[in-house]
Amino acid sequence: MPKMLNDEAVEYEDGTPATEAQMGKDVVSFLSWAAEPEMEVRKLMGFKWIILLSLFLLQAAYYRETEMASSQV
């Protein structure tokens, strides 16, 4: 089977060398995006939820400490 990608088959605007490895990486990145185009939005939403839940955890821990300290006095 002949090679599907050849060196210098594509010109990148930023001057990146068009090697087989680079073009293969670009193809795989595109196929990953095409399979799940909303993945970036989900990752950002997940990150926001982790931050929010961490803040709630800190608030609950602080509340528990203050309640325990006041009940033991």
N, C-alpha and C. Protein backbone atom coordinates (compact mmCIF):
# COMPACT_ATOMS: atom_id res chain seq x y z
N MET A 1 0.85 -1.17 0.00
CA MET A 1 0.00 0.00 0.00
C MET A 1 0.90 1.24 0.00
N PRO A 2 0.64 2.19 -0.86
CA PRO A 2 1.48 3.39 -0.91
C PRO A 2 1.25 4.29 0.30
N LYS A 3 2.23 5.14 0.56
CA LYS A 3 2.12 6.09 1.67
C LYS A 3 1.03 7.12 1.35
N MET A 4 0.20 7.39 2.34
CA MET A 4 -0.88 8.35 2.15
C MET A 4 -0.40 9.78 2.40
N LEU A 5 0.59 9.94 3.26
CA LEU A 5 1.11 11.27 3.58
C LEU A 5 2.56 11.36 3.12
N ASN A 6 2.88 12.47 2.49
CA ASN A 6 4.25 12.72 2.04
C ASN A 6 4.74 14.01 2.65
N ASP A 7 6.04 14.09 2.92
CA ASP A 7 6.62 15.33 3.44
C ASP A 7 6.36 16.49 2.48
N GLU A 8 6.14 17.66 3.05
CA GLU A 8 5.92 18.91 2.30
C GLU A 8 4.70 18.85 1.39
N ALA A 9 3.70 18.06 1.73
CA ALA A 9 2.47 17.99 0.93
C ALA A 9 1.54 19.17 1.25
N VAL A 10 1.75 19.78 2.41
CA VAL A 10 0.90 20.88 2.87
C VAL A 10 1.80 22.02 3.31
N GLU A 11 1.36 23.26 3.09
CA GLU A 11 2.09 24.42 3.61
C GLU A 11 1.30 25.00 4.77
N TYR A 12 1.94 25.08 5.93
CA TYR A 12 1.31 25.67 7.10
C TYR A 12 1.58 27.16 7.11
N GLU A 13 0.58 27.95 7.49
CA GLU A 13 0.72 29.41 7.50
C GLU A 13 1.76 29.89 8.50
N ASP A 14 1.90 29.17 9.62
CA ASP A 14 2.83 29.62 10.65
C ASP A 14 4.25 29.10 10.43
N GLY A 15 4.49 28.39 9.34
CA GLY A 15 5.83 27.92 9.04
C GLY A 15 6.20 26.59 9.67
N THR A 16 5.24 25.89 10.25
CA THR A 16 5.50 24.57 10.83
C THR A 16 5.95 23.63 9.73
N PRO A 17 7.01 22.85 9.98
CA PRO A 17 7.45 21.90 8.95
C PRO A 17 6.37 20.85 8.68
N ALA A 18 6.10 20.60 7.42
CA ALA A 18 5.05 19.66 7.04
C ALA A 18 5.61 18.26 6.93
N THR A 19 5.92 17.65 8.06
CA THR A 19 6.44 16.28 8.07
C THR A 19 5.27 15.30 8.14
N GLU A 20 5.56 14.04 7.88
CA GLU A 20 4.52 13.01 7.97
C GLU A 20 3.95 12.95 9.38
N ALA A 21 4.83 13.06 10.38
CA ALA A 21 4.37 12.98 11.77
C ALA A 21 3.43 14.14 12.10
N GLN A 22 3.77 15.35 11.65
CA GLN A 22 2.93 16.52 11.93
C GLN A 22 1.58 16.40 11.24
N MET A 23 1.59 15.98 9.99
CA MET A 23 0.33 15.83 9.26
C MET A 23 -0.51 14.71 9.86
N GLY A 24 0.13 13.63 10.31
CA GLY A 24 -0.61 12.55 10.98
C GLY A 24 -1.25 13.04 12.26
N LYS A 25 -0.50 13.85 13.02
CA LYS A 25 -1.05 14.42 14.26
C LYS A 25 -2.25 15.32 13.94
N ASP A 26 -2.15 16.11 12.88
CA ASP A 26 -3.25 16.99 12.50
C ASP A 26 -4.49 16.19 12.09
N VAL A 27 -4.29 15.10 11.37
CA VAL A 27 -5.42 14.26 10.95
C VAL A 27 -6.10 13.65 12.17
N VAL A 28 -5.31 13.14 13.10
CA VAL A 28 -5.88 12.52 14.30
C VAL A 28 -6.62 13.56 15.14
N SER A 29 -6.05 14.76 15.27
CA SER A 29 -6.72 15.83 16.02
C SER A 29 -8.05 16.20 15.37
N PHE A 30 -8.06 16.29 14.05
CA PHE A 30 -9.31 16.61 13.36
C PHE A 30 -10.35 15.52 13.55
N LEU A 31 -9.93 14.27 13.43
CA LEU A 31 -10.89 13.17 13.59
C LEU A 31 -11.44 13.12 15.01
N SER A 32 -10.61 13.42 16.00
CA SER A 32 -11.09 13.47 17.39
C SER A 32 -12.13 14.57 17.56
N TRP A 33 -11.85 15.73 16.97
CA TRP A 33 -12.80 16.84 17.05
C TRP A 33 -14.08 16.50 16.31
N ALA A 34 -13.97 15.88 15.14
CA ALA A 34 -15.16 15.54 14.35
C ALA A 34 -16.04 14.53 15.08
N ALA A 35 -15.42 13.64 15.86
CA ALA A 35 -16.19 12.64 16.60
C ALA A 35 -16.94 13.27 17.76
N GLU A 36 -16.34 14.24 18.44
CA GLU A 36 -16.97 14.88 19.59
C GLU A 36 -16.72 16.39 19.56
N PRO A 37 -17.44 17.14 18.73
CA PRO A 37 -17.18 18.58 18.62
C PRO A 37 -17.51 19.36 19.89
N GLU A 38 -18.36 18.81 20.76
CA GLU A 38 -18.75 19.53 21.97
C GLU A 38 -17.86 19.19 23.16
N MET A 39 -16.79 18.43 22.96
CA MET A 39 -15.94 17.99 24.06
C MET A 39 -15.31 19.17 24.81
N GLU A 40 -14.88 20.20 24.10
CA GLU A 40 -14.24 21.35 24.75
C GLU A 40 -15.23 22.06 25.68
N VAL A 41 -16.47 22.17 25.25
CA VAL A 41 -17.49 22.82 26.08
C VAL A 41 -17.74 21.99 27.33
N ARG A 42 -17.81 20.66 27.18
CA ARG A 42 -18.03 19.78 28.33
C ARG A 42 -16.86 19.85 29.31
N LYS A 43 -15.64 19.92 28.80
CA LYS A 43 -14.47 20.01 29.68
C LYS A 43 -14.51 21.31 30.48
N LEU A 44 -14.87 22.41 29.83
CA LEU A 44 -14.96 23.69 30.52
C LEU A 44 -16.06 23.65 31.58
N MET A 45 -17.20 23.06 31.25
CA MET A 45 -18.30 22.95 32.20
C MET A 45 -17.88 22.09 33.40
N GLY A 46 -17.18 20.99 33.13
CA GLY A 46 -16.70 20.14 34.21
C GLY A 46 -15.73 20.87 35.12
N PHE A 47 -14.85 21.66 34.53
CA PHE A 47 -13.90 22.44 35.33
C PHE A 47 -14.64 23.43 36.22
N LYS A 48 -15.65 24.09 35.69
CA LYS A 48 -16.44 25.04 36.48
C LYS A 48 -17.14 24.32 37.64
N TRP A 49 -17.69 23.13 37.39
CA TRP A 49 -18.35 22.37 38.45
C TRP A 49 -17.37 21.96 39.54
N ILE A 50 -16.17 21.57 39.16
CA ILE A 50 -15.16 21.18 40.15
C ILE A 50 -14.82 22.38 41.03
N ILE A 51 -14.66 23.55 40.44
CA ILE A 51 -14.37 24.76 41.22
C ILE A 51 -15.53 25.06 42.16
N LEU A 52 -16.76 25.01 41.65
CA LEU A 52 -17.94 25.31 42.46
C LEU A 52 -18.08 24.34 43.62
N LEU A 53 -17.93 23.05 43.35
CA LEU A 53 -18.05 22.06 44.41
C LEU A 53 -16.93 22.17 45.43
N SER A 54 -15.75 22.56 44.99
CA SER A 54 -14.64 22.79 45.92
C SER A 54 -14.96 23.95 46.86
N LEU A 55 -15.55 25.00 46.31
CA LEU A 55 -15.93 26.14 47.16
C LEU A 55 -17.00 25.73 48.17
N PHE A 56 -17.97 24.94 47.75
CA PHE A 56 -18.99 24.45 48.68
C PHE A 56 -18.38 23.58 49.76
N LEU A 57 -17.42 22.75 49.40
CA LEU A 57 -16.75 21.90 50.37
C LEU A 57 -15.99 22.74 51.40
N LEU A 58 -15.29 23.75 50.94
CA LEU A 58 -14.58 24.63 51.87
C LEU A 58 -15.55 25.36 52.80
N GLN A 59 -16.66 25.82 52.25
CA GLN A 59 -17.66 26.51 53.07
C GLN A 59 -18.26 25.55 54.10
N ALA A 60 -18.55 24.33 53.71
CA ALA A 60 -19.12 23.35 54.64
C ALA A 60 -18.11 23.00 55.73
N ALA A 61 -16.85 22.86 55.37
CA ALA A 61 -15.82 22.55 56.36
C ALA A 61 -15.67 23.70 57.35
N TYR A 62 -15.70 24.93 56.86
CA TYR A 62 -15.59 26.09 57.75
C TYR A 62 -16.80 26.16 58.68
N TYR A 63 -17.98 25.94 58.14
CA TYR A 63 -19.20 25.97 58.95
C TYR A 63 -19.15 24.89 60.02
N ARG A 64 -18.71 23.70 59.65
CA ARG A 64 -18.63 22.60 60.61
C ARG A 64 -17.64 22.93 61.73
N GLU A 65 -16.50 23.49 61.38
CA GLU A 65 -15.51 23.85 62.39
C GLU A 65 -16.05 24.91 63.35
N THR A 66 -16.73 25.91 62.81
CA THR A 66 -17.26 26.96 63.69
C THR A 66 -18.38 26.43 64.57
N GLU A 67 -19.22 25.54 64.05
CA GLU A 67 -20.30 24.95 64.85
C GLU A 67 -19.74 24.04 65.93
N MET A 68 -18.75 23.26 65.61
CA MET A 68 -18.15 22.36 66.60
C MET A 68 -17.44 23.15 67.69
N ALA A 69 -16.78 24.23 67.30
CA ALA A 69 -16.07 25.04 68.28
C ALA A 69 -17.06 25.74 69.22
N SER A 70 -18.19 26.20 68.70
CA SER A 70 -19.15 26.90 69.55
C SER A 70 -19.94 25.93 70.42
N SER A 71 -20.13 24.69 69.99
CA SER A 71 -20.89 23.74 70.79
C SER A 71 -20.05 23.15 71.93
N GLN A 72 -18.73 23.20 71.83
CA GLN A 72 -17.87 22.65 72.86
C GLN A 72 -17.56 23.67 73.95
N VAL A 73 -17.89 24.90 73.74
CA VAL A 73 -17.59 25.94 74.73
C VAL A 73 -18.59 25.97 75.83
